[in-house]
Amino acid sequence: MELKEGDLVITLDKAENIRAVAGGVKSNVLGVIVSTSAHFDTMNVFGILIDGQIYYLFEDEFKKVEEEC
């Protein structure tokens, strides 16, 4: 899946289990990608703006909204 800044995404159930953002990110929450340049080891990390706060999530913790349409 190709992701770029400005893409609308929705969080998956897996995002609720992230200890670093416990209580901050729920599943099925709409956000927008604002950063694509972060990396952890060999994995891409994306900055997702949700309710005015940026959360850094791995690609398997959200999906593009456009793929459902």
Protein backbone atom coordinates (compact mmCIF):
# COMPACT_ATOMS: atom_id res chain seq x y z
CA MET A 1 0.00 0.00 0.00
CA GLU A 2 1.45 3.34 -1.00
CA LEU A 3 0.91 5.98 1.66
CA LYS A 4 1.62 9.69 1.36
CA GLU A 5 1.00 12.87 3.32
CA GLY A 6 -2.62 13.96 3.13
CA ASP A 7 -4.08 10.43 2.89
CA LEU A 8 -7.09 9.79 5.10
CA VAL A 9 -6.69 6.71 7.28
CA ILE A 10 -8.70 4.86 9.89
CA THR A 11 -7.14 3.15 12.90
CA LEU A 12 -7.48 -0.60 13.37
CA ASP A 13 -8.20 -2.58 16.55
CA LYS A 14 -4.46 -3.19 16.97
CA ALA A 15 -3.91 0.53 17.69
CA GLU A 16 -5.84 0.29 20.98
CA ASN A 17 -3.16 -2.04 22.41
CA ILE A 18 -0.24 0.39 22.01
CA ARG A 19 1.04 1.11 25.51
CA ALA A 20 2.74 4.37 24.55
CA VAL A 21 -0.58 5.93 23.52
CA ALA A 22 -2.92 4.03 25.86
CA GLY A 23 -6.28 5.75 25.92
CA GLY A 24 -5.26 8.18 23.19
CA VAL A 25 -5.95 6.07 20.13
CA LYS A 26 -9.05 3.96 19.68
CA SER A 27 -10.02 1.74 16.76
CA ASN A 28 -12.05 3.11 13.85
CA VAL A 29 -10.84 6.69 14.37
CA LEU A 30 -10.31 8.87 11.31
CA GLY A 31 -6.97 10.64 10.88
CA VAL A 32 -4.74 12.14 8.23
CA ILE A 33 -1.12 11.29 7.47
CA VAL A 34 1.10 14.30 8.19
CA SER A 35 4.53 12.65 8.22
CA THR A 36 6.03 9.74 6.29
CA SER A 37 9.74 10.16 6.99
CA ALA A 38 10.14 8.37 10.34
CA HIS A 39 11.65 4.87 10.59
CA PHE A 40 12.15 2.31 13.34
CA ASP A 41 14.69 -0.36 12.41
CA THR A 42 13.53 -1.28 8.89
CA MET A 43 9.86 -0.40 9.39
CA ASN A 44 8.17 2.82 8.30
CA VAL A 45 6.41 4.89 10.96
CA PHE A 46 3.72 7.37 9.97
CA GLY A 47 2.66 10.52 11.78
CA ILE A 48 -1.14 10.48 11.95
CA LEU A 49 -3.03 13.60 13.02
CA ILE A 50 -6.05 12.62 15.15
CA ASP A 51 -8.09 15.24 16.99
CA GLY A 52 -5.29 17.81 16.84
CA GLN A 53 -2.56 15.49 18.14
CA ILE A 54 0.04 13.56 16.14
CA TYR A 55 0.45 9.86 16.88
CA TYR A 56 3.21 7.78 15.31
CA LEU A 57 1.85 4.45 14.09
CA PHE A 58 3.18 1.52 12.10
CA GLU A 59 1.54 0.67 8.78
CA ASP A 60 -0.28 -2.38 10.20
CA GLU A 61 -2.10 -0.25 12.81
CA PHE A 62 -4.22 1.69 10.30
CA LYS A 63 -5.56 1.47 6.75
CA LYS A 64 -6.36 3.96 4.01
CA VAL A 65 -9.98 5.09 3.89
CA GLU A 66 -9.92 5.22 0.10
CA GLU A 67 -9.38 1.45 -0.15
CA GLU A 68 -12.90 0.83 1.21
CA CYS A 69 -14.64 2.96 -1.43
